N, C-alpha and C. Protein backbone atom coordinates (compact mmCIF):
# COMPACT_ATOMS: atom_id res chain seq x y z
N MET A 1 -14.48 -47.45 -3.84
CA MET A 1 -14.75 -46.51 -2.77
C MET A 1 -13.52 -45.65 -2.50
N ASN A 2 -12.36 -46.25 -2.57
CA ASN A 2 -11.13 -45.53 -2.29
C ASN A 2 -10.87 -44.42 -3.32
N THR A 3 -11.18 -44.69 -4.59
CA THR A 3 -10.94 -43.68 -5.62
C THR A 3 -11.92 -42.52 -5.47
N ALA A 4 -13.11 -42.79 -5.02
CA ALA A 4 -14.08 -41.71 -4.80
C ALA A 4 -13.61 -40.80 -3.68
N PHE A 5 -13.06 -41.39 -2.63
CA PHE A 5 -12.54 -40.60 -1.52
C PHE A 5 -11.36 -39.73 -1.98
N GLU A 6 -10.47 -40.32 -2.80
CA GLU A 6 -9.33 -39.57 -3.32
C GLU A 6 -9.79 -38.42 -4.21
N ALA A 7 -10.77 -38.67 -5.04
CA ALA A 7 -11.28 -37.62 -5.92
C ALA A 7 -11.90 -36.49 -5.11
N GLN A 8 -12.63 -36.83 -4.06
CA GLN A 8 -13.24 -35.81 -3.21
C GLN A 8 -12.15 -35.04 -2.46
N ALA A 9 -11.14 -35.74 -2.00
CA ALA A 9 -10.04 -35.08 -1.28
C ALA A 9 -9.31 -34.12 -2.21
N PHE A 10 -9.04 -34.53 -3.43
CA PHE A 10 -8.39 -33.64 -4.39
C PHE A 10 -9.26 -32.44 -4.72
N SER A 11 -10.55 -32.65 -4.81
CA SER A 11 -11.47 -31.53 -5.07
C SER A 11 -11.44 -30.52 -3.93
N VAL A 12 -11.45 -31.02 -2.71
CA VAL A 12 -11.40 -30.14 -1.54
C VAL A 12 -10.08 -29.37 -1.52
N LEU A 13 -8.99 -30.06 -1.79
CA LEU A 13 -7.68 -29.40 -1.83
C LEU A 13 -7.62 -28.35 -2.94
N ALA A 14 -8.17 -28.66 -4.10
CA ALA A 14 -8.16 -27.71 -5.22
C ALA A 14 -8.98 -26.47 -4.88
N VAL A 15 -10.15 -26.67 -4.30
CA VAL A 15 -10.98 -25.53 -3.92
C VAL A 15 -10.29 -24.70 -2.84
N SER A 16 -9.65 -25.37 -1.88
CA SER A 16 -8.92 -24.65 -0.83
C SER A 16 -7.77 -23.85 -1.42
N ALA A 17 -7.07 -24.41 -2.37
CA ALA A 17 -5.96 -23.71 -3.01
C ALA A 17 -6.45 -22.47 -3.75
N VAL A 18 -7.56 -22.60 -4.45
CA VAL A 18 -8.11 -21.45 -5.17
C VAL A 18 -8.56 -20.37 -4.19
N LEU A 19 -9.22 -20.76 -3.12
CA LEU A 19 -9.66 -19.78 -2.13
C LEU A 19 -8.47 -19.06 -1.49
N LEU A 20 -7.44 -19.80 -1.14
CA LEU A 20 -6.24 -19.17 -0.58
C LEU A 20 -5.59 -18.22 -1.58
N LEU A 21 -5.57 -18.60 -2.83
CA LEU A 21 -5.02 -17.73 -3.87
C LEU A 21 -5.81 -16.44 -3.97
N VAL A 22 -7.12 -16.53 -3.90
CA VAL A 22 -7.98 -15.34 -3.97
C VAL A 22 -7.75 -14.46 -2.74
N VAL A 23 -7.66 -15.07 -1.57
CA VAL A 23 -7.46 -14.30 -0.33
C VAL A 23 -6.11 -13.59 -0.36
N VAL A 24 -5.06 -14.28 -0.75
CA VAL A 24 -3.73 -13.67 -0.79
C VAL A 24 -3.68 -12.57 -1.83
N THR A 25 -4.27 -12.80 -3.00
CA THR A 25 -4.29 -11.78 -4.03
C THR A 25 -5.06 -10.55 -3.56
N GLY A 26 -6.18 -10.76 -2.90
CA GLY A 26 -6.94 -9.64 -2.35
C GLY A 26 -6.16 -8.87 -1.31
N GLY A 27 -5.42 -9.58 -0.46
CA GLY A 27 -4.60 -8.92 0.55
C GLY A 27 -3.50 -8.08 -0.08
N VAL A 28 -2.86 -8.61 -1.09
CA VAL A 28 -1.80 -7.86 -1.78
C VAL A 28 -2.40 -6.63 -2.45
N ALA A 29 -3.55 -6.77 -3.08
CA ALA A 29 -4.20 -5.63 -3.73
C ALA A 29 -4.58 -4.58 -2.69
N TYR A 30 -5.08 -5.00 -1.54
CA TYR A 30 -5.44 -4.06 -0.48
C TYR A 30 -4.22 -3.30 0.03
N LEU A 31 -3.15 -4.03 0.33
CA LEU A 31 -1.94 -3.38 0.84
C LEU A 31 -1.33 -2.43 -0.20
N THR A 32 -1.38 -2.81 -1.46
CA THR A 32 -0.86 -1.94 -2.52
C THR A 32 -1.68 -0.67 -2.61
N THR A 33 -3.00 -0.79 -2.52
CA THR A 33 -3.88 0.38 -2.58
C THR A 33 -3.66 1.30 -1.39
N VAL A 34 -3.51 0.73 -0.21
CA VAL A 34 -3.29 1.54 0.99
C VAL A 34 -1.96 2.28 0.89
N GLU A 35 -0.91 1.59 0.42
CA GLU A 35 0.39 2.24 0.30
C GLU A 35 0.34 3.36 -0.74
N TRP A 36 -0.33 3.12 -1.86
CA TRP A 36 -0.47 4.13 -2.91
C TRP A 36 -1.20 5.36 -2.37
N ARG A 37 -2.26 5.13 -1.59
CA ARG A 37 -3.03 6.23 -1.01
C ARG A 37 -2.19 7.02 -0.01
N ASP A 38 -1.42 6.31 0.81
CA ASP A 38 -0.55 6.98 1.78
C ASP A 38 0.54 7.78 1.09
N ARG A 39 1.12 7.21 0.04
CA ARG A 39 2.16 7.92 -0.70
C ARG A 39 1.60 9.20 -1.31
N ARG A 40 0.42 9.14 -1.88
CA ARG A 40 -0.21 10.35 -2.43
C ARG A 40 -0.46 11.39 -1.35
N ARG A 41 -0.93 10.93 -0.17
CA ARG A 41 -1.20 11.84 0.93
C ARG A 41 0.09 12.52 1.40
N ARG A 42 1.17 11.74 1.53
CA ARG A 42 2.45 12.32 1.96
C ARG A 42 2.97 13.32 0.94
N GLN A 43 2.82 13.02 -0.35
CA GLN A 43 3.27 13.96 -1.39
C GLN A 43 2.46 15.25 -1.33
N ARG A 44 1.16 15.13 -1.12
CA ARG A 44 0.33 16.33 -1.00
C ARG A 44 0.72 17.15 0.20
N GLU A 45 1.03 16.49 1.33
CA GLU A 45 1.45 17.21 2.52
C GLU A 45 2.78 17.91 2.28
N GLN A 46 3.71 17.25 1.59
CA GLN A 46 5.00 17.86 1.30
C GLN A 46 4.83 19.06 0.38
N GLN A 47 3.96 18.93 -0.62
CA GLN A 47 3.73 20.04 -1.54
C GLN A 47 3.07 21.21 -0.82
N ALA A 48 2.19 20.90 0.11
CA ALA A 48 1.52 21.96 0.85
C ALA A 48 2.50 22.64 1.81
N ALA A 49 3.45 21.90 2.34
CA ALA A 49 4.42 22.47 3.29
C ALA A 49 5.57 23.17 2.57
N ALA A 50 5.84 22.82 1.33
CA ALA A 50 6.99 23.37 0.61
C ALA A 50 6.93 24.90 0.50
N PRO A 51 5.81 25.50 0.14
CA PRO A 51 5.80 26.98 0.06
C PRO A 51 6.07 27.63 1.42
N ARG A 52 5.58 27.04 2.49
CA ARG A 52 5.83 27.60 3.82
C ARG A 52 7.30 27.54 4.16
N VAL A 53 7.94 26.42 3.85
CA VAL A 53 9.37 26.27 4.13
C VAL A 53 10.16 27.24 3.27
N LYS A 54 9.78 27.37 2.01
CA LYS A 54 10.47 28.28 1.10
C LYS A 54 10.32 29.72 1.57
N ASN A 55 9.13 30.11 1.98
CA ASN A 55 8.90 31.46 2.48
C ASN A 55 9.70 31.71 3.74
N LEU A 56 9.78 30.73 4.62
CA LEU A 56 10.54 30.87 5.85
C LEU A 56 12.02 31.05 5.55
N LYS A 57 12.54 30.29 4.59
CA LYS A 57 13.95 30.44 4.21
C LYS A 57 14.20 31.82 3.62
N ASN A 58 13.29 32.31 2.80
CA ASN A 58 13.46 33.64 2.22
C ASN A 58 13.43 34.71 3.31
N LYS A 59 12.57 34.58 4.29
CA LYS A 59 12.50 35.54 5.38
C LYS A 59 13.80 35.53 6.19
N ASN A 60 14.33 34.33 6.43
CA ASN A 60 15.58 34.21 7.17
C ASN A 60 16.74 34.84 6.41
N LYS A 61 16.75 34.66 5.09
CA LYS A 61 17.82 35.26 4.26
C LYS A 61 17.74 36.79 4.34
N LYS A 62 16.52 37.32 4.29
CA LYS A 62 16.35 38.77 4.35
C LYS A 62 16.80 39.31 5.70
N LYS A 63 16.61 38.53 6.75
CA LYS A 63 17.00 38.96 8.09
C LYS A 63 18.48 38.70 8.35
N GLY A 64 19.14 37.97 7.45
CA GLY A 64 20.55 37.68 7.63
C GLY A 64 20.79 36.47 8.51
N LEU A 65 19.80 35.63 8.71
CA LEU A 65 19.94 34.43 9.52
C LEU A 65 20.43 33.28 8.65
N ALA A 66 21.23 32.41 9.24
CA ALA A 66 21.71 31.24 8.49
C ALA A 66 20.61 30.20 8.38
N GLU A 67 20.71 29.38 7.35
CA GLU A 67 19.72 28.31 7.14
C GLU A 67 19.97 27.16 8.05
């Protein structure tokens, strides 16, 4: 009887370990995807703002204003 209990306990622990591994892996994948998406969004915003900043600097140079 004791060995059956130990076998069942080890099975429960093994299943719990696998489930935790899946949950942690899923969390890491989610956080990586969110960071990648945010990084792409920030790069797009910077690229969209770059021509405006460049044009503003050129206008200031033409007017004789310092940067």
